[in-house]
Amino acid sequence: MAVKFGRYRWLGYMIVVLTLVVIGIPALLVRGCSWESREPVKEEGVQVKLQISEEEIISLPLEQYLIGVVAAEMPVSFHEEALKAQAVAARTYCLLRMVREEEDDQHPEAHLCADPGHCQAWISNEEMRKRWGWNYRPNYQKIRSAVLATVGELLTYEGQLIDPVYHSSCGGRGTEDAREVWGHEVPYLKRAVCSYDAPEKQKPVNTQISLQELFTKLKISDQAIPAAGFELIKIQERTESGRVKKVKVGSQVFSGVELRKRLGLRSTDFKVACTKEKVLFSTRGYGHAVGMCQYGANGLAQSGAKYDEILSHYYQGTKLKTIPEK
């Protein structure tokens, strides 16, 4: 009898263990772990009104908002010092737009939106769980630590908040002067040497576009096109860094920035080849190339640079200042 009861007892243990595995673990994954709420980001202080869709605006603490921005804007695999630099840039970007008096036509009721094409990218904790799965906990903690390690820190130039624009990759060519992209001088957004991109980011990426698609996107007629297809596109001028500044398509001239926008190219650092049926663009880098190069920041961090050194490299002449906590 003792042996029989011993077997039943072990059977009971097995049922309990299986119940925990089948029900308990999935419940933790869905609801999240309690560690996240033991040290919550402070609710008081600056509150950000964020438009996350056409119909929805949410309000959340500044530092909590920044966790979502850093998670969306920079790979979590990046070095901690690069993540800290991104946190400071994102905080400065946010507060600069919050203190401006004029409303933004795209989100008049909110300070910012979550569209990276207009403001900064942002993702919720739920989206982080979807993307990271089992790695959610360590990934969230890594980004949270980077944000809170720089809490309240902002970038200034001559006492004023800067506009700390950033981009994914300069392709190893170095960053671009803001004047070449937006047509006006910005003293802290000058060309910076940057050979720190990962090797795969410095390789050219090829994109093919049919002639019909080219004509449609540039809103030009084939009557403006020369008979010889290989003379369709001519690069007329490059910037000091080597990116396309002016390009002639048929009889029309476009800036490199405008051509990139209309055709959806990765950057203005491109070469072009034409046939009678299509156009081949070979691009390096990704983004407008002004300000901080995110992959370059990671390379700098891996070589030993601290986040303040990364920021001063890409935003020349700026200083870090800390806003007091309220």
Protein backbone atom coordinates (compact mmCIF):
# COMPACT_ATOMS: atom_id res chain seq x y z
CA MET A 1 0.00 0.00 0.00
CA ALA A 2 2.84 2.36 0.84
CA VAL A 3 4.31 1.77 -2.60
CA LYS A 4 0.95 2.41 -4.24
CA PHE A 5 0.41 5.69 -2.33
CA GLY A 6 3.97 6.72 -3.22
CA ARG A 7 3.13 6.29 -6.89
CA TYR A 8 -0.01 8.41 -6.52
CA ARG A 9 2.00 11.10 -4.78
CA TRP A 10 4.51 11.25 -7.62
CA LEU A 11 1.61 11.36 -10.08
CA GLY A 12 0.23 14.35 -8.19
CA TYR A 13 3.59 16.12 -8.37
CA MET A 14 3.70 15.56 -12.12
CA ILE A 15 0.21 17.02 -12.57
CA VAL A 16 1.20 20.15 -10.63
CA VAL A 17 4.36 20.61 -12.69
CA LEU A 18 2.53 20.14 -15.98
CA THR A 19 -0.14 22.62 -14.89
CA LEU A 20 2.53 25.24 -14.18
CA VAL A 21 4.20 24.64 -17.55
CA VAL A 22 0.99 24.65 -19.59
CA ILE A 23 -0.84 27.48 -17.82
CA GLY A 24 1.61 29.42 -15.67
CA ILE A 25 4.38 30.23 -18.15
CA PRO A 26 2.07 31.39 -20.98
CA ALA A 27 0.23 33.56 -18.45
CA LEU A 28 3.51 35.22 -17.50
CA LEU A 29 4.32 35.84 -21.15
CA VAL A 30 0.95 37.45 -21.80
CA ARG A 31 0.74 39.54 -18.64
CA GLY A 32 4.44 40.36 -18.32
CA CYS A 33 6.68 39.82 -15.35
CA SER A 34 6.34 41.68 -12.08
CA TRP A 35 9.96 42.93 -12.26
CA GLU A 36 8.86 45.58 -14.73
CA SER A 37 6.60 47.33 -12.21
CA ARG A 38 8.86 47.07 -9.13
CA GLU A 39 10.91 50.06 -10.34
CA PRO A 40 8.44 52.04 -12.45
CA VAL A 41 9.43 55.13 -14.41
CA LYS A 42 8.24 58.16 -12.47
CA GLU A 43 4.75 59.30 -13.44
CA GLU A 44 5.26 62.93 -12.38
CA GLY A 45 7.20 65.48 -14.40
CA VAL A 46 7.03 66.06 -18.14
CA GLN A 47 4.15 64.30 -19.88
CA VAL A 48 4.28 63.70 -23.63
CA LYS A 49 1.15 63.76 -25.75
CA LEU A 50 1.79 61.23 -28.49
CA GLN A 51 -0.40 60.53 -31.50
CA ILE A 52 -0.09 56.80 -32.21
CA SER A 53 -2.79 56.68 -34.90
CA GLU A 54 -5.20 59.03 -36.64
CA GLU A 55 -7.81 58.34 -33.95
CA GLU A 56 -5.73 57.89 -30.79
CA ILE A 57 -3.55 60.19 -28.67
CA ILE A 58 -1.96 58.93 -25.47
CA SER A 59 -0.13 60.73 -22.65
CA LEU A 60 2.90 59.17 -20.97
CA PRO A 61 5.93 60.25 -18.90
CA LEU A 62 8.86 61.56 -20.92
CA GLU A 63 11.32 58.85 -19.89
CA GLN A 64 8.76 56.10 -20.55
CA TYR A 65 8.17 57.58 -24.01
CA LEU A 66 11.92 57.52 -24.63
CA ILE A 67 12.14 53.79 -23.87
CA GLY A 68 9.68 53.23 -26.73
CA VAL A 69 11.63 55.55 -29.02
CA VAL A 70 15.03 53.96 -28.41
CA ALA A 71 13.50 50.48 -28.83
CA ALA A 72 12.05 51.53 -32.19
CA GLU A 73 14.90 53.66 -33.51
CA MET A 74 18.00 51.61 -32.66
CA PRO A 75 18.71 47.85 -32.63
CA VAL A 76 18.73 46.55 -29.06
CA SER A 77 21.90 44.60 -29.90
CA PHE A 78 23.82 47.89 -30.06
CA HIS A 79 26.39 48.85 -27.42
CA GLU A 80 25.00 50.48 -24.26
CA GLU A 81 26.89 53.72 -24.94
CA ALA A 82 25.27 54.00 -28.38
CA LEU A 83 21.84 53.44 -26.79
CA LYS A 84 22.59 56.20 -24.26
CA ALA A 85 23.56 58.59 -27.07
CA GLN A 86 20.29 57.75 -28.83
CA ALA A 87 18.34 58.40 -25.64
CA VAL A 88 19.86 61.89 -25.22
CA ALA A 89 19.25 62.75 -28.89
CA ALA A 90 15.65 61.51 -28.69
CA ARG A 91 14.99 63.41 -25.45
CA THR A 92 16.34 66.64 -26.94
CA TYR A 93 14.35 66.12 -30.14
CA CYS A 94 11.17 65.64 -28.11
CA LEU A 95 11.55 68.61 -25.77
CA LEU A 96 12.52 70.97 -28.59
CA ARG A 97 9.19 70.24 -30.26
CA MET A 98 7.28 70.48 -27.00
CA VAL A 99 8.53 74.01 -26.25
CA ARG A 100 7.77 75.32 -29.73
CA GLU A 101 4.68 77.50 -29.75
CA GLU A 102 3.37 76.64 -33.20
CA GLU A 103 1.15 73.59 -33.72
CA ASP A 104 2.08 70.82 -36.11
CA ASP A 105 -0.49 70.39 -38.90
CA GLN A 106 -0.08 66.61 -38.89
CA HIS A 107 -0.85 66.25 -35.17
CA PRO A 108 -2.25 69.58 -33.85
CA GLU A 109 -3.51 68.04 -30.59
CA ALA A 110 -0.29 66.17 -29.77
CA HIS A 111 3.34 67.10 -29.18
CA LEU A 112 4.65 64.34 -31.45
CA CYS A 113 3.52 61.37 -33.50
CA ALA A 114 4.93 57.84 -33.78
CA ASP A 115 5.57 58.12 -37.53
CA PRO A 116 9.35 57.99 -38.16
CA GLY A 117 8.83 59.79 -41.46
CA HIS A 118 7.58 62.84 -39.58
CA CYS A 119 8.75 62.65 -35.95
CA GLN A 120 10.45 59.78 -34.13
CA ALA A 121 9.53 56.11 -34.29
CA TRP A 122 7.94 54.70 -31.12
CA ILE A 123 6.65 51.28 -30.09
CA SER A 124 4.61 50.15 -27.11
CA ASN A 125 5.60 47.49 -24.57
CA GLU A 126 3.18 45.13 -26.28
CA GLU A 127 4.97 45.61 -29.60
CA MET A 128 8.31 45.01 -27.88
CA ARG A 129 6.99 41.67 -26.59
CA LYS A 130 5.91 40.69 -30.08
CA ARG A 131 9.28 41.57 -31.60
CA TRP A 132 11.53 40.15 -28.90
CA GLY A 133 9.55 37.19 -27.58
CA TRP A 134 11.55 35.35 -24.90
CA ASN A 135 14.19 38.11 -24.98
CA TYR A 136 11.71 40.80 -23.96
CA ARG A 137 12.86 41.04 -20.33
CA PRO A 138 16.64 41.49 -20.88
CA ASN A 139 16.09 43.70 -23.95
CA TYR A 140 13.64 45.97 -22.15
CA GLN A 141 15.96 46.25 -19.16
CA LYS A 142 18.93 47.11 -21.40
CA ILE A 143 17.09 49.98 -23.10
CA ARG A 144 15.47 51.16 -19.89
CA SER A 145 18.89 51.31 -18.22
CA ALA A 146 20.30 53.38 -21.10
CA VAL A 147 17.42 55.87 -20.85
CA LEU A 148 17.54 56.21 -17.06
CA ALA A 149 21.34 56.47 -17.04
CA THR A 150 20.95 59.74 -18.98
CA VAL A 151 17.73 60.96 -17.35
CA GLY A 152 17.17 64.68 -17.90
CA GLU A 153 20.20 65.14 -20.15
CA LEU A 154 19.82 67.39 -23.21
CA LEU A 155 22.02 68.68 -26.02
CA THR A 156 22.46 72.45 -26.33
CA TYR A 157 24.34 74.86 -28.55
CA GLU A 158 25.08 78.31 -27.13
CA GLY A 159 22.51 77.67 -24.41
CA GLN A 160 19.67 76.62 -26.73
CA LEU A 161 18.24 73.18 -27.43
CA ILE A 162 19.51 71.77 -30.71
CA ASP A 163 17.57 69.85 -33.33
CA PRO A 164 19.44 66.52 -33.05
CA VAL A 165 18.50 64.84 -36.30
CA TYR A 166 19.94 61.39 -36.90
CA HIS A 167 19.96 58.68 -39.53
CA SER A 168 20.63 54.97 -39.83
CA SER A 169 23.90 54.76 -41.78
CA CYS A 170 26.22 57.12 -43.64
CA GLY A 171 27.71 54.14 -45.48
CA GLY A 172 31.19 54.93 -44.21
CA ARG A 173 31.45 58.11 -46.29
CA GLY A 174 30.97 60.44 -43.32
CA THR A 175 27.95 62.53 -42.40
CA GLU A 176 26.58 65.35 -44.55
CA ASP A 177 26.47 69.09 -43.93
CA ALA A 178 22.88 70.21 -43.22
CA ARG A 179 23.29 73.00 -45.80
CA GLU A 180 23.64 70.41 -48.57
CA VAL A 181 20.38 68.70 -47.59
CA TRP A 182 18.08 71.45 -46.33
CA GLY A 183 19.68 74.54 -47.87
CA HIS A 184 20.58 76.42 -44.69
CA GLU A 185 23.52 76.48 -42.31
CA VAL A 186 23.28 74.74 -38.95
CA PRO A 187 26.48 75.26 -36.94
CA TYR A 188 26.34 71.94 -35.07
CA LEU A 189 25.30 69.85 -38.09
CA LYS A 190 28.50 69.93 -40.09
CA ARG A 191 30.15 67.10 -41.96
CA ALA A 192 31.80 64.59 -39.61
CA VAL A 193 34.25 61.83 -40.43
CA CYS A 194 32.60 58.46 -39.87
CA SER A 195 34.28 55.21 -40.80
CA TYR A 196 32.66 53.28 -37.98
CA ASP A 197 29.72 51.75 -39.84
CA ALA A 198 29.60 47.96 -39.83
CA PRO A 199 31.25 46.56 -43.02
CA GLU A 200 27.93 45.28 -44.37
CA LYS A 201 26.48 48.79 -44.13
CA GLN A 202 29.25 50.16 -46.35
CA LYS A 203 28.45 47.81 -49.22
CA PRO A 204 26.36 49.19 -52.13
CA VAL A 205 22.72 48.13 -52.46
CA ASN A 206 21.28 47.86 -55.97
CA THR A 207 17.76 48.99 -56.87
CA GLN A 208 16.14 48.60 -60.29
CA ILE A 209 13.39 50.90 -61.55
CA SER A 210 11.58 50.53 -64.86
CA LEU A 211 11.52 53.56 -67.15
CA GLN A 212 7.74 53.80 -66.86
CA GLU A 213 7.95 53.86 -63.06
CA LEU A 214 10.69 56.48 -63.27
CA PHE A 215 8.60 58.71 -65.55
CA THR A 216 5.54 58.34 -63.31
CA LYS A 217 7.29 59.11 -60.03
CA LEU A 218 9.19 62.08 -61.45
CA LYS A 219 6.12 63.32 -63.35
CA ILE A 220 7.94 63.69 -66.64
CA SER A 221 6.86 62.67 -70.14
CA ASP A 222 8.85 60.46 -72.46
CA GLN A 223 8.94 63.39 -74.90
CA ALA A 224 11.53 65.00 -72.61
CA ILE A 225 13.72 61.90 -72.81
CA PRO A 226 16.60 61.56 -75.28
CA ALA A 227 16.46 58.71 -77.77
CA ALA A 228 19.61 57.10 -76.38
CA GLY A 229 18.55 55.42 -73.13
CA PHE A 230 22.03 55.44 -71.61
CA GLU A 231 21.98 59.26 -71.56
CA LEU A 232 18.71 59.39 -69.66
CA ILE A 233 20.22 60.37 -66.30
CA LYS A 234 23.33 62.46 -65.74
CA ILE A 235 24.75 63.38 -62.35
CA GLN A 236 25.69 67.05 -62.65
CA GLU A 237 27.07 67.85 -59.23
CA ARG A 238 28.11 66.12 -56.01
CA THR A 239 28.50 67.49 -52.50
CA GLU A 240 31.86 67.78 -50.80
CA SER A 241 31.23 64.40 -49.18
CA GLY A 242 30.53 62.80 -52.56
CA ARG A 243 26.75 62.52 -52.46
CA VAL A 244 24.55 63.56 -55.38
CA LYS A 245 23.61 67.25 -55.25
CA LYS A 246 22.13 67.78 -58.72
CA VAL A 247 21.01 65.27 -61.31
CA LYS A 248 19.51 65.76 -64.76
CA VAL A 249 16.78 63.39 -65.94
CA GLY A 250 16.00 64.02 -69.59
CA SER A 251 15.65 67.77 -69.78
CA GLN A 252 14.71 68.30 -66.12
CA VAL A 253 17.07 68.94 -63.20
CA PHE A 254 16.39 67.60 -59.70
CA SER A 255 18.25 67.94 -56.44
CA GLY A 256 19.65 64.70 -55.10
CA VAL A 257 17.39 65.03 -52.05
CA GLU A 258 14.25 65.43 -54.19
CA LEU A 259 15.17 62.53 -56.47
CA ARG A 260 15.79 60.27 -53.49
CA LYS A 261 12.41 61.20 -51.98
CA ARG A 262 10.42 60.70 -55.17
CA LEU A 263 12.03 57.40 -56.09
CA GLY A 264 12.28 56.04 -52.55
CA LEU A 265 16.05 55.54 -52.73
CA ARG A 266 17.97 54.59 -49.60
CA SER A 267 20.23 57.65 -49.78
CA THR A 268 21.66 60.33 -52.07
CA ASP A 269 24.98 58.50 -52.16
CA PHE A 270 24.41 56.66 -55.41
CA LYS A 271 25.71 55.76 -58.84
CA VAL A 272 23.35 55.18 -61.75
CA ALA A 273 23.34 53.12 -64.94
CA CYS A 274 20.65 53.13 -67.64
CA THR A 275 19.41 50.83 -70.36
CA LYS A 276 16.52 51.28 -72.78
CA GLU A 277 14.20 49.50 -70.35
CA LYS A 278 15.32 50.22 -66.81
CA VAL A 279 17.53 52.25 -64.48
CA LEU A 280 19.89 50.72 -61.92
CA PHE A 281 20.76 52.72 -58.78
CA SER A 282 23.64 51.57 -56.59
CA THR A 283 23.33 53.27 -53.19
CA ARG A 284 25.44 53.37 -50.03
CA GLY A 285 24.13 54.17 -46.57
CA TYR A 286 20.56 54.76 -45.45
CA GLY A 287 18.91 58.07 -44.58
CA HIS A 288 19.59 61.77 -45.08
CA ALA A 289 23.12 61.42 -43.61
CA VAL A 290 22.84 64.52 -41.36
CA GLY A 291 23.63 64.41 -37.64
CA MET A 292 24.31 61.21 -35.75
CA CYS A 293 24.94 58.08 -37.78
CA GLN A 294 23.38 55.33 -35.67
CA TYR A 295 25.53 52.49 -36.96
CA GLY A 296 28.54 54.77 -36.71
CA ALA A 297 27.62 55.54 -33.09
CA ASN A 298 27.60 51.83 -32.37
CA GLY A 299 31.01 51.45 -34.01
CA LEU A 300 32.38 54.31 -31.94
CA ALA A 301 30.99 52.75 -28.77
CA GLN A 302 32.57 49.41 -29.62
CA SER A 303 35.91 51.18 -30.01
CA GLY A 304 35.62 52.58 -26.48
CA ALA A 305 33.84 55.94 -26.90
CA LYS A 306 31.40 57.04 -24.20
CA TYR A 307 27.99 58.42 -25.12
CA ASP A 308 28.98 62.04 -24.50
CA GLU A 309 31.98 61.59 -26.84
CA ILE A 310 29.71 60.09 -29.50
CA LEU A 311 27.33 63.02 -29.25
CA SER A 312 30.07 65.66 -29.43
CA HIS A 313 31.52 63.91 -32.49
CA TYR A 314 28.30 64.13 -34.51
CA TYR A 315 26.86 67.36 -33.02
CA GLN A 316 29.89 69.61 -33.10
CA GLY A 317 30.22 72.38 -30.53
CA THR A 318 27.28 71.18 -28.43
CA LYS A 319 27.14 70.75 -24.66
CA LEU A 320 25.23 68.38 -22.42
CA LYS A 321 22.95 69.96 -19.82
CA THR A 322 20.63 68.35 -17.32
CA ILE A 323 17.11 69.56 -16.60
CA PRO A 324 16.15 69.30 -12.91
CA GLU A 325 13.63 66.60 -11.97
CA LYS A 326 10.23 67.88 -10.88
